[in-house]
């Protein structure tokens, strides 16, 4: 689940992905998220510290990555994708 400022903007079924999916949220920080190989990650953000990108690929239920300046959160829900 991808949310911006507390509002869900996209839901991706990781277990059923057949090919790479790019999600461009744009906005002030030009957020780009990529889902592939059973995982989802921040690929690009114009934020200063890049902690969201350094979080890497999220694959297990409960994994979370956040871009605080962009108020964008990726949360993996459900059972593990492995």
C-alpha atoms as a PDB file:
ATOM      1  CA  UNK A   1       0.000   0.000   0.000  1.00  0.00           C
ATOM      2  CA  UNK A   2       1.273   3.457  -0.910  1.00  0.00           C
ATOM      3  CA  UNK A   3      -0.054   6.460   0.940  1.00  0.00           C
ATOM      4  CA  UNK A   4       0.590  10.176   0.691  1.00  0.00           C
ATOM      5  CA  UNK A   5      -0.292  12.459   3.591  1.00  0.00           C
ATOM      6  CA  UNK A   6      -2.305   9.636   5.175  1.00  0.00           C
ATOM      7  CA  UNK A   7      -4.385   8.872   2.070  1.00  0.00           C
ATOM      8  CA  UNK A   8      -3.959   5.578   0.177  1.00  0.00           C
ATOM      9  CA  UNK A   9      -3.091   6.409  -3.431  1.00  0.00           C
ATOM     10  CA  UNK A  10      -2.131   2.977  -4.765  1.00  0.00           C
ATOM     11  CA  UNK A  11      -2.316  -0.686  -3.806  1.00  0.00           C
ATOM     12  CA  UNK A  12       0.001  -3.202  -5.460  1.00  0.00           C
ATOM     13  CA  UNK A  13      -0.466  -6.977  -5.228  1.00  0.00           C
ATOM     14  CA  UNK A  14       3.189  -8.022  -4.995  1.00  0.00           C
ATOM     15  CA  UNK A  15       2.469 -11.757  -5.164  1.00  0.00           C
ATOM     16  CA  UNK A  16       0.704 -11.406  -8.525  1.00  0.00           C
ATOM     17  CA  UNK A  17       3.176  -9.090 -10.293  1.00  0.00           C
ATOM     18  CA  UNK A  18       4.378 -10.524 -13.591  1.00  0.00           C
ATOM     19  CA  UNK A  19       6.581  -7.620 -14.665  1.00  0.00           C
ATOM     20  CA  UNK A  20       8.211  -4.462 -13.342  1.00  0.00           C
ATOM     21  CA  UNK A  21       5.738  -1.743 -12.397  1.00  0.00           C
ATOM     22  CA  UNK A  22       6.738   1.906 -12.043  1.00  0.00           C
ATOM     23  CA  UNK A  23       4.577   4.311 -10.064  1.00  0.00           C
ATOM     24  CA  UNK A  24       5.332   7.991 -10.565  1.00  0.00           C
ATOM     25  CA  UNK A  25       3.769  10.104  -7.860  1.00  0.00           C
ATOM     26  CA  UNK A  26       5.458  13.316  -8.955  1.00  0.00           C
ATOM     27  CA  UNK A  27       4.822  16.135  -6.508  1.00  0.00           C
ATOM     28  CA  UNK A  28       7.353  18.457  -4.958  1.00  0.00           C
ATOM     29  CA  UNK A  29       9.853  15.603  -4.436  1.00  0.00           C
ATOM     30  CA  UNK A  30       9.240  13.803  -7.746  1.00  0.00           C
ATOM     31  CA  UNK A  31       8.662  10.405  -6.089  1.00  0.00           C
ATOM     32  CA  UNK A  32       9.126   7.254  -8.181  1.00  0.00           C
ATOM     33  CA  UNK A  33       8.337   3.822  -6.736  1.00  0.00           C
ATOM     34  CA  UNK A  34       9.165   0.506  -8.395  1.00  0.00           C
ATOM     35  CA  UNK A  35       7.550  -2.875  -7.715  1.00  0.00           C
ATOM     36  CA  UNK A  36       9.269  -5.984  -9.111  1.00  0.00           C
ATOM     37  CA  UNK A  37      10.528  -9.422  -8.119  1.00  0.00           C
ATOM     38  CA  UNK A  38       8.094  -9.644  -5.196  1.00  0.00           C
ATOM     39  CA  UNK A  39       9.249  -6.377  -3.647  1.00  0.00           C
ATOM     40  CA  UNK A  40       8.531  -2.656  -3.725  1.00  0.00           C
ATOM     41  CA  UNK A  41      10.905   0.267  -3.158  1.00  0.00           C
ATOM     42  CA  UNK A  42      11.477   3.968  -3.534  1.00  0.00           C
ATOM     43  CA  UNK A  43      13.582   4.384  -6.659  1.00  0.00           C
ATOM     44  CA  UNK A  44      13.765   8.179  -6.765  1.00  0.00           C
ATOM     45  CA  UNK A  45      13.027  11.148  -4.552  1.00  0.00           C
ATOM     46  CA  UNK A  46      14.353  14.675  -4.640  1.00  0.00           C
ATOM     47  CA  UNK A  47      14.416  14.691  -0.816  1.00  0.00           C
ATOM     48  CA  UNK A  48      17.676  15.709   0.817  1.00  0.00           C
ATOM     49  CA  UNK A  49      18.704  12.629   2.813  1.00  0.00           C
ATOM     50  CA  UNK A  50      17.506   9.743   0.561  1.00  0.00           C
ATOM     51  CA  UNK A  51      16.705   7.513   3.573  1.00  0.00           C
ATOM     52  CA  UNK A  52      13.628   6.279   1.720  1.00  0.00           C
ATOM     53  CA  UNK A  53      15.754   5.018  -1.169  1.00  0.00           C
ATOM     54  CA  UNK A  54      18.344   3.501   1.174  1.00  0.00           C
ATOM     55  CA  UNK A  55      15.584   1.419   2.809  1.00  0.00           C
ATOM     56  CA  UNK A  56      15.815  -0.901  -0.200  1.00  0.00           C
ATOM     57  CA  UNK A  57      13.212  -3.397  -1.376  1.00  0.00           C
ATOM     58  CA  UNK A  58      10.349  -4.243   0.962  1.00  0.00           C
ATOM     59  CA  UNK A  59       9.140  -7.836   0.692  1.00  0.00           C
ATOM     60  CA  UNK A  60       7.749  -9.058   4.013  1.00  0.00           C
ATOM     61  CA  UNK A  61       4.476  -8.248   5.737  1.00  0.00           C
ATOM     62  CA  UNK A  62       5.105  -5.364   8.132  1.00  0.00           C
ATOM     63  CA  UNK A  63       7.967  -3.832   6.119  1.00  0.00           C
ATOM     64  CA  UNK A  64       7.685  -0.044   5.886  1.00  0.00           C
ATOM     65  CA  UNK A  65       9.644   2.728   4.143  1.00  0.00           C
ATOM     66  CA  UNK A  66       8.914   6.425   4.507  1.00  0.00           C
ATOM     67  CA  UNK A  67       9.890   9.603   2.688  1.00  0.00           C
ATOM     68  CA  UNK A  68       9.138  12.098   5.459  1.00  0.00           C
ATOM     69  CA  UNK A  69       9.487  15.321   3.451  1.00  0.00           C
ATOM     70  CA  UNK A  70       7.086  13.972   0.809  1.00  0.00           C
ATOM     71  CA  UNK A  71       4.748  12.465   3.443  1.00  0.00           C
ATOM     72  CA  UNK A  72       4.843   9.218   1.448  1.00  0.00           C
ATOM     73  CA  UNK A  73       4.723   5.754   3.034  1.00  0.00           C
ATOM     74  CA  UNK A  74       5.080   2.295   1.508  1.00  0.00           C
ATOM     75  CA  UNK A  75       3.690  -0.489   3.704  1.00  0.00           C
ATOM     76  CA  UNK A  76       3.719  -4.205   2.923  1.00  0.00           C
ATOM     77  CA  UNK A  77       0.623  -5.821   4.407  1.00  0.00           C
ATOM     78  CA  UNK A  78      -0.493  -9.432   4.666  1.00  0.00           C
ATOM     79  CA  UNK A  79       1.697 -12.494   4.839  1.00  0.00           C
ATOM     80  CA  UNK A  80       5.287 -12.644   3.675  1.00  0.00           C
ATOM     81  CA  UNK A  81       5.796 -12.534  -0.085  1.00  0.00           C
ATOM     82  CA  UNK A  82       8.909 -14.743  -0.029  1.00  0.00           C
END
